[in-house]
N, C-alpha and C. Protein backbone atom coordinates (compact mmCIF):
# COMPACT_ATOMS: atom_id res chain seq x y z
N UNK A 1 0.42 -1.42 0.21
CA UNK A 1 0.20 -0.13 -0.60
C UNK A 1 0.67 1.46 0.17
N UNK A 2 0.44 1.63 -0.52
CA UNK A 2 1.62 3.43 -0.53
C UNK A 2 -0.12 4.53 -0.34
N UNK A 3 0.68 5.84 0.50
CA UNK A 3 0.36 6.63 0.59
C UNK A 3 1.02 8.49 0.16
N UNK A 4 0.28 8.89 0.24
CA UNK A 4 0.35 10.07 -0.84
C UNK A 4 0.82 11.35 0.41
N UNK A 5 1.10 12.37 0.09
CA UNK A 5 0.84 13.52 1.04
C UNK A 5 0.16 14.43 0.22
N UNK A 6 -0.48 14.94 0.35
CA UNK A 6 -0.99 15.73 -1.42
C UNK A 6 -0.69 17.71 -0.26
N UNK A 7 0.14 18.00 -0.44
CA UNK A 7 0.40 19.54 0.21
C UNK A 7 0.02 21.27 0.06
N UNK A 8 -0.89 21.42 0.89
CA UNK A 8 -1.69 22.24 1.30
C UNK A 8 -1.25 23.75 0.41
N UNK A 9 0.11 23.84 1.05
CA UNK A 9 0.98 25.12 0.99
C UNK A 9 1.93 24.40 0.81
N UNK A 10 2.97 25.10 0.00
CA UNK A 10 3.97 24.84 -0.67
C UNK A 10 5.43 25.19 -0.15
N UNK A 11 5.97 25.77 0.63
CA UNK A 11 6.52 27.46 0.15
C UNK A 11 8.54 26.33 0.67
N UNK A 12 9.23 27.88 -0.32
CA UNK A 12 10.77 27.30 -1.02
C UNK A 12 11.73 28.06 0.52
N UNK A 13 11.09 28.48 1.43
CA UNK A 13 12.23 28.98 2.25
C UNK A 13 11.97 28.07 4.32
N UNK A 14 12.81 27.19 3.80
CA UNK A 14 12.84 26.53 5.21
C UNK A 14 13.11 27.51 6.53
N UNK A 15 12.96 28.92 6.91
CA UNK A 15 13.49 29.04 7.56
C UNK A 15 11.42 29.12 7.80
N UNK A 16 10.94 30.39 6.84
CA UNK A 16 9.16 29.74 7.88
C UNK A 16 8.53 28.76 7.68
N UNK A 17 9.05 28.30 6.70
CA UNK A 17 8.32 26.21 7.47
C UNK A 17 7.93 25.84 8.75
N UNK A 18 9.88 26.43 9.16
CA UNK A 18 10.30 26.02 10.09
C UNK A 18 9.00 27.35 11.35
N UNK A 19 8.80 28.50 11.37
CA UNK A 19 8.05 29.08 11.90
C UNK A 19 6.74 28.95 12.27
N UNK A 20 6.45 28.33 10.52
CA UNK A 20 4.49 28.37 10.79
C UNK A 20 4.70 26.85 12.02
N UNK A 21 5.30 26.28 11.39
CA UNK A 21 5.34 24.78 12.12
C UNK A 21 5.63 24.98 13.75
N UNK A 22 6.33 25.92 14.34
CA UNK A 22 6.42 26.34 15.97
C UNK A 22 4.49 26.94 16.06
N UNK A 23 4.15 27.49 14.89
CA UNK A 23 3.08 28.45 15.51
C UNK A 23 1.52 27.50 14.87
N UNK A 24 2.03 26.34 15.02
CA UNK A 24 1.20 25.00 14.93
C UNK A 24 0.24 24.49 14.10
N UNK A 25 0.66 25.81 12.78
CA UNK A 25 0.09 26.07 11.16
C UNK A 25 0.02 25.00 11.10
N UNK A 26 0.43 23.50 11.26
CA UNK A 26 0.71 22.12 10.27
C UNK A 26 2.25 20.85 10.38
N UNK A 27 2.18 20.14 10.07
CA UNK A 27 3.61 19.56 9.58
C UNK A 27 4.40 19.91 8.32
N UNK A 28 5.86 19.27 8.52
CA UNK A 28 6.01 19.29 7.44
C UNK A 28 6.94 18.16 7.68
N UNK A 29 8.00 18.14 6.29
CA UNK A 29 9.13 16.99 6.20
C UNK A 29 10.15 17.31 5.91
N UNK A 30 10.85 17.42 6.71
CA UNK A 30 12.39 18.83 6.07
C UNK A 30 13.82 18.28 6.67
N UNK A 31 15.36 18.49 6.65
CA UNK A 31 15.78 17.47 6.37
C UNK A 31 16.34 18.09 8.19
N UNK A 32 17.24 17.05 8.96
CA UNK A 32 17.11 17.67 10.64
C UNK A 32 18.69 18.81 10.45
N UNK A 33 19.55 19.24 9.43
CA UNK A 33 20.09 19.93 10.04
C UNK A 33 18.93 21.46 9.06
N UNK A 34 18.02 21.38 9.11
CA UNK A 34 17.33 22.81 8.79
C UNK A 34 16.34 22.57 10.04
N UNK A 35 15.80 21.56 10.76
CA UNK A 35 15.29 21.58 12.00
C UNK A 35 16.27 21.87 13.67
N UNK A 36 17.49 20.44 13.35
CA UNK A 36 17.99 20.54 14.43
C UNK A 36 17.88 21.23 16.14
N UNK A 37 18.62 22.59 15.85
CA UNK A 37 18.58 23.57 16.35
C UNK A 37 17.03 24.08 17.45
N UNK A 38 16.06 23.97 16.54
CA UNK A 38 14.41 23.96 17.15
C UNK A 38 14.21 22.36 17.46
N UNK A 39 14.57 21.61 17.29
CA UNK A 39 14.16 20.44 17.80
C UNK A 39 15.03 21.02 19.59
N UNK A 40 16.31 20.55 19.65
CA UNK A 40 17.26 20.51 20.35
C UNK A 40 16.81 21.79 22.05
N UNK A 41 16.48 22.87 21.26
CA UNK A 41 15.18 23.86 21.62
C UNK A 41 14.08 23.52 22.57
N UNK A 42 13.39 22.61 21.92
CA UNK A 42 11.74 21.83 21.89
C UNK A 42 10.89 23.03 21.51
N UNK A 43 11.15 23.75 20.46
CA UNK A 43 10.43 24.95 19.32
C UNK A 43 9.43 23.57 18.85
N UNK A 44 10.24 22.26 18.05
CA UNK A 44 9.47 21.47 17.18
C UNK A 44 9.79 20.72 17.81
N UNK A 45 9.56 19.34 17.40
CA UNK A 45 9.84 17.76 17.66
C UNK A 45 9.67 17.10 16.18
N UNK A 46 10.13 15.46 16.42
CA UNK A 46 10.28 14.90 15.05
C UNK A 46 9.34 13.33 15.86
N UNK A 47 8.59 13.07 14.67
CA UNK A 47 7.49 12.29 14.67
C UNK A 47 8.45 11.17 13.70
N UNK A 48 8.40 10.25 14.69
CA UNK A 48 8.69 8.88 14.30
C UNK A 48 7.69 8.45 13.23
N UNK A 49 8.04 8.20 12.09
CA UNK A 49 6.06 7.25 11.56
C UNK A 49 7.20 5.95 10.79
N UNK A 50 7.03 4.64 11.27
CA UNK A 50 6.67 3.43 11.06
C UNK A 50 6.67 2.64 9.60
N UNK A 51 8.50 2.46 9.08
CA UNK A 51 7.38 1.76 7.29
C UNK A 51 7.34 3.21 6.38
N UNK A 52 7.98 4.37 6.84
CA UNK A 52 8.47 5.49 5.97
C UNK A 52 9.73 5.78 4.89
N UNK A 53 9.31 5.39 3.61
CA UNK A 53 10.36 5.31 3.09
C UNK A 53 10.28 6.71 1.86
N UNK A 54 11.06 7.54 1.78
CA UNK A 54 11.10 8.42 0.97
C UNK A 54 11.55 8.29 -0.54
N UNK A 55 11.25 8.36 -1.61
CA UNK A 55 12.20 8.09 -3.24
C UNK A 55 11.90 9.95 -3.23
N UNK A 56 13.13 9.46 -4.74
CA UNK A 56 14.07 11.71 -4.56
C UNK A 56 14.24 10.58 -6.52
N UNK A 57 13.88 12.23 -6.94
CA UNK A 57 14.27 11.04 -8.11
C UNK A 57 15.03 12.46 -8.82
N UNK A 58 16.14 12.28 -8.93
CA UNK A 58 17.47 12.69 -9.94
C UNK A 58 17.60 13.06 -11.41
N UNK A 59 17.98 13.85 -11.59
CA UNK A 59 18.12 14.05 -12.88
C UNK A 59 19.98 15.11 -12.87
N UNK A 60 20.99 14.75 -13.49
CA UNK A 60 21.69 15.91 -14.09
C UNK A 60 22.84 15.75 -15.49
N UNK A 61 22.54 16.79 -15.76
CA UNK A 61 22.06 17.26 -17.72
C UNK A 61 23.59 18.26 -16.69
N UNK A 62 23.57 18.51 -18.17
CA UNK A 62 24.55 19.02 -19.04
C UNK A 62 25.02 19.32 -20.26
N UNK A 63 25.04 19.64 -20.95
CA UNK A 63 25.75 20.89 -22.36
C UNK A 63 26.34 19.52 -23.15
N UNK A 64 26.45 18.62 -23.86
CA UNK A 64 26.94 17.55 -24.50
C UNK A 64 27.91 17.80 -25.41
N UNK A 65 27.48 18.73 -26.82
CA UNK A 65 28.28 20.14 -27.55
C UNK A 65 29.59 21.23 -26.38
N UNK A 66 29.68 21.13 -24.74
CA UNK A 66 29.90 21.76 -24.79
C UNK A 66 31.74 21.15 -24.03
N UNK A 67 32.22 21.35 -24.36
CA UNK A 67 33.71 21.03 -23.55
C UNK A 67 33.98 20.30 -21.80
N UNK A 68 34.08 19.60 -21.70
CA UNK A 68 34.44 19.35 -19.89
C UNK A 68 35.39 18.69 -19.37
N UNK A 69 35.20 19.96 -18.00
CA UNK A 69 37.02 19.76 -18.05
C UNK A 69 36.76 18.50 -16.94
N UNK A 70 37.86 17.70 -16.87
CA UNK A 70 38.98 16.90 -16.01
C UNK A 70 37.78 17.33 -14.52
N UNK A 71 38.28 18.25 -13.68
CA UNK A 71 36.88 18.13 -12.46
C UNK A 71 35.25 17.88 -12.51
N UNK A 72 35.26 17.98 -14.47
CA UNK A 72 33.56 18.45 -13.87
C UNK A 72 33.07 17.17 -14.34
N UNK A 73 34.50 16.44 -15.34
CA UNK A 73 34.53 14.49 -16.05
C UNK A 73 34.18 13.52 -14.90
N UNK A 74 35.61 14.17 -14.03
CA UNK A 74 35.01 13.10 -12.56
C UNK A 74 33.38 13.28 -11.47
N UNK A 75 33.47 14.52 -11.72
CA UNK A 75 32.21 14.64 -10.64
C UNK A 75 30.96 13.46 -11.35
N UNK A 76 30.74 14.16 -13.08
CA UNK A 76 29.76 12.48 -13.68
C UNK A 76 29.98 11.55 -13.67
N UNK A 77 31.26 11.45 -13.10
CA UNK A 77 31.82 9.67 -13.27
C UNK A 77 30.63 9.49 -12.28
N UNK A 78 31.11 10.16 -10.58
CA UNK A 78 31.04 9.40 -9.05
C UNK A 78 29.34 9.79 -9.69
N UNK A 79 29.33 10.73 -9.76
CA UNK A 79 27.80 10.84 -10.35
C UNK A 79 26.71 9.36 -10.62
N UNK A 80 27.54 8.77 -12.19
CA UNK A 80 26.61 7.89 -12.26
C UNK A 80 27.20 6.41 -11.33
N UNK A 81 28.42 7.22 -11.09
CA UNK A 81 28.46 5.31 -10.38
C UNK A 81 27.84 5.50 -9.21
N UNK A 82 28.24 6.23 -8.70
CA UNK A 82 27.85 6.38 -7.02
C UNK A 82 26.13 6.93 -6.40
N UNK A 83 25.67 7.76 -7.50
CA UNK A 83 24.69 7.47 -7.14
C UNK A 83 23.02 7.02 -7.91
N UNK A 84 23.16 7.25 -9.49
CA UNK A 84 22.04 6.96 -9.98
C UNK A 84 22.08 4.86 -10.70
N UNK A 85 23.36 5.16 -10.23
CA UNK A 85 23.75 3.28 -10.70
C UNK A 85 22.69 2.76 -8.98
N UNK A 86 22.57 3.77 -8.56
CA UNK A 86 21.86 3.54 -6.93
C UNK A 86 19.57 2.44 -7.44
N UNK A 87 20.00 3.30 -9.02
CA UNK A 87 17.98 3.29 -9.25
C UNK A 87 18.77 1.77 -9.44
N UNK A 88 18.94 1.20 -9.88
CA UNK A 88 18.90 -0.21 -11.34
C UNK A 88 19.70 -1.71 -9.91
N UNK A 89 19.78 -0.95 -8.56
CA UNK A 89 20.24 -2.10 -7.34
C UNK A 89 18.56 -2.62 -6.77
């Protein structure tokens, strides 16, 4: 069974999202580094949800006709080997 979250409001500023959650305006799904201080101070708390997984869709784009530096080539190889190949496993 799959459950989906239907957002009511989407905001790009994590500080504003934290403030709204602190004021009781709802719940949010944010990375720990964004919420760690507020959790430490007791202004927010984590809600543990069993059997919860996150799918992240990734893509990497670059212009195929442009010159690629050795550093960029190294980054591309790293991403392909370590990030994108995980989808096939």
